[in-house]
C-alpha cells in the first residue's frame, strides 16, 4: 500500500520538476490518486479473502 502511494508521489514530483511549477500540483493530485488506488486494491483483496 505504501509502495503504491510513494510511486505516485515520486511520479508527481518528477512531473512538477519538468513543468517548473511553483506549487506541487502534480504531486498533490497523483498522491491522492495513489491513496485511492492503494485503498481500492487493499479493499478488493480483503473482500476477496473474506469470500474465499
N, C-alpha and C. Protein backbone atom coordinates (compact mmCIF):
# COMPACT_ATOMS: atom_id res chain seq x y z
N UNK A 1 0.83 -1.19 0.00
CA UNK A 1 0.00 0.00 0.00
C UNK A 1 0.88 1.25 0.00
N UNK A 2 1.87 1.26 0.86
CA UNK A 2 2.76 2.41 0.94
C UNK A 2 3.57 2.55 -0.34
N UNK A 3 3.95 1.42 -0.93
CA UNK A 3 4.73 1.45 -2.16
C UNK A 3 3.96 2.12 -3.29
N UNK A 4 2.69 1.84 -3.40
CA UNK A 4 1.86 2.45 -4.44
C UNK A 4 1.78 3.96 -4.24
N UNK A 5 1.55 4.38 -3.01
CA UNK A 5 1.45 5.82 -2.72
C UNK A 5 2.78 6.51 -3.01
N UNK A 6 3.87 5.91 -2.60
CA UNK A 6 5.18 6.51 -2.85
C UNK A 6 5.50 6.57 -4.34
N UNK A 7 5.08 5.57 -5.09
CA UNK A 7 5.31 5.57 -6.53
C UNK A 7 4.57 6.73 -7.20
N UNK A 8 3.32 6.93 -6.82
CA UNK A 8 2.55 8.04 -7.38
C UNK A 8 3.11 9.38 -6.92
N UNK A 9 3.57 9.46 -5.68
CA UNK A 9 4.18 10.69 -5.18
C UNK A 9 5.44 11.02 -5.97
N UNK A 10 6.27 10.01 -6.20
CA UNK A 10 7.51 10.20 -6.96
C UNK A 10 7.21 10.67 -8.38
N UNK A 11 6.22 10.04 -9.02
CA UNK A 11 5.85 10.45 -10.38
C UNK A 11 5.36 11.89 -10.40
N UNK A 12 4.57 12.27 -9.42
CA UNK A 12 4.08 13.64 -9.34
C UNK A 12 5.19 14.65 -9.12
N UNK A 13 6.15 14.30 -8.29
CA UNK A 13 7.25 15.24 -8.06
C UNK A 13 8.12 15.39 -9.30
N UNK A 14 8.30 14.31 -10.05
CA UNK A 14 9.05 14.40 -11.31
C UNK A 14 8.31 15.26 -12.33
N UNK A 15 7.00 15.11 -12.39
CA UNK A 15 6.21 15.94 -13.31
C UNK A 15 6.27 17.41 -12.90
N UNK A 16 6.25 17.68 -11.61
CA UNK A 16 6.36 19.07 -11.14
C UNK A 16 7.72 19.67 -11.49
N UNK A 17 8.77 18.85 -11.39
CA UNK A 17 10.10 19.33 -11.77
C UNK A 17 10.15 19.69 -13.25
N UNK A 18 9.58 18.83 -14.09
CA UNK A 18 9.58 19.09 -15.53
C UNK A 18 8.74 20.29 -15.90
N UNK A 19 7.61 20.45 -15.23
CA UNK A 19 6.71 21.56 -15.54
C UNK A 19 7.25 22.88 -15.00
N UNK A 20 8.08 22.81 -13.98
CA UNK A 20 8.65 24.02 -13.39
C UNK A 20 7.63 24.86 -12.64
N UNK A 21 6.59 24.21 -12.15
CA UNK A 21 5.55 24.95 -11.44
C UNK A 21 6.00 25.29 -10.02
N UNK A 22 5.49 26.41 -9.52
CA UNK A 22 5.85 26.85 -8.17
C UNK A 22 5.16 26.01 -7.10
N UNK A 23 3.94 25.60 -7.38
CA UNK A 23 3.19 24.79 -6.42
C UNK A 23 3.20 23.34 -6.89
N UNK A 24 3.27 22.40 -5.95
CA UNK A 24 3.34 20.98 -6.32
C UNK A 24 1.97 20.41 -6.69
N UNK A 25 1.43 20.87 -7.80
CA UNK A 25 0.09 20.47 -8.21
C UNK A 25 0.06 18.99 -8.59
N UNK A 26 0.99 18.57 -9.44
CA UNK A 26 1.01 17.18 -9.88
C UNK A 26 1.29 16.23 -8.72
N UNK A 27 2.14 16.65 -7.81
CA UNK A 27 2.44 15.82 -6.65
C UNK A 27 1.19 15.61 -5.80
N UNK A 28 0.44 16.66 -5.58
CA UNK A 28 -0.78 16.55 -4.77
C UNK A 28 -1.82 15.68 -5.45
N UNK A 29 -2.03 15.90 -6.74
CA UNK A 29 -3.05 15.14 -7.47
C UNK A 29 -2.67 13.66 -7.54
N UNK A 30 -1.43 13.38 -7.94
CA UNK A 30 -1.03 11.98 -8.08
C UNK A 30 -0.91 11.29 -6.73
N UNK A 31 -0.59 12.02 -5.67
CA UNK A 31 -0.58 11.41 -4.34
C UNK A 31 -1.98 10.97 -3.93
N UNK A 32 -2.97 11.80 -4.20
CA UNK A 32 -4.35 11.42 -3.90
C UNK A 32 -4.80 10.24 -4.75
N UNK A 33 -4.43 10.23 -6.02
CA UNK A 33 -4.75 9.10 -6.88
C UNK A 33 -4.10 7.83 -6.33
N UNK A 34 -2.87 7.96 -5.86
CA UNK A 34 -2.17 6.82 -5.27
C UNK A 34 -2.85 6.30 -4.02
N UNK A 35 -3.35 7.19 -3.19
CA UNK A 35 -4.07 6.77 -1.98
C UNK A 35 -5.33 6.02 -2.35
N UNK A 36 -6.10 6.55 -3.30
CA UNK A 36 -7.32 5.87 -3.71
C UNK A 36 -7.03 4.54 -4.40
N UNK A 37 -5.97 4.48 -5.19
CA UNK A 37 -5.60 3.23 -5.84
C UNK A 37 -5.19 2.18 -4.80
N UNK A 38 -4.42 2.60 -3.81
CA UNK A 38 -3.99 1.68 -2.76
C UNK A 38 -5.18 1.19 -1.94
N UNK A 39 -6.10 2.08 -1.62
CA UNK A 39 -7.30 1.66 -0.88
C UNK A 39 -8.14 0.70 -1.70
N UNK A 40 -8.29 0.98 -2.99
CA UNK A 40 -9.07 0.10 -3.86
C UNK A 40 -8.46 -1.30 -3.90
N UNK A 41 -7.17 -1.37 -4.10
CA UNK A 41 -6.51 -2.68 -4.18
C UNK A 41 -6.59 -3.41 -2.85
N UNK A 42 -6.39 -2.70 -1.75
CA UNK A 42 -6.44 -3.32 -0.43
C UNK A 42 -7.84 -3.84 -0.12
N UNK A 43 -8.85 -3.02 -0.37
CA UNK A 43 -10.23 -3.45 -0.10
C UNK A 43 -10.65 -4.60 -1.01
N UNK A 44 -10.22 -4.55 -2.26
CA UNK A 44 -10.55 -5.63 -3.19
C UNK A 44 -9.94 -6.95 -2.71
N UNK A 45 -8.68 -6.92 -2.28
CA UNK A 45 -8.04 -8.12 -1.76
C UNK A 45 -8.69 -8.60 -0.47
N UNK A 46 -9.08 -7.67 0.40
CA UNK A 46 -9.71 -8.03 1.66
C UNK A 46 -11.06 -8.71 1.43
N UNK A 47 -11.86 -8.17 0.53
CA UNK A 47 -13.16 -8.76 0.22
C UNK A 47 -12.99 -10.12 -0.44
N UNK A 48 -11.99 -10.23 -1.31
CA UNK A 48 -11.73 -11.50 -1.99
C UNK A 48 -11.35 -12.58 -0.99
N UNK A 49 -10.51 -12.25 -0.01
CA UNK A 49 -10.09 -13.21 1.01
C UNK A 49 -11.24 -13.57 1.94
N UNK A 50 -12.11 -12.60 2.21
CA UNK A 50 -13.23 -12.84 3.11
C UNK A 50 -14.24 -13.80 2.48
N UNK A 51 -14.47 -13.66 1.17
CA UNK A 51 -15.41 -14.53 0.47
C UNK A 51 -14.84 -15.92 0.24
N UNK A 52 -13.54 -16.02 0.07
CA UNK A 52 -12.89 -17.27 -0.28
C UNK A 52 -12.80 -18.19 0.86
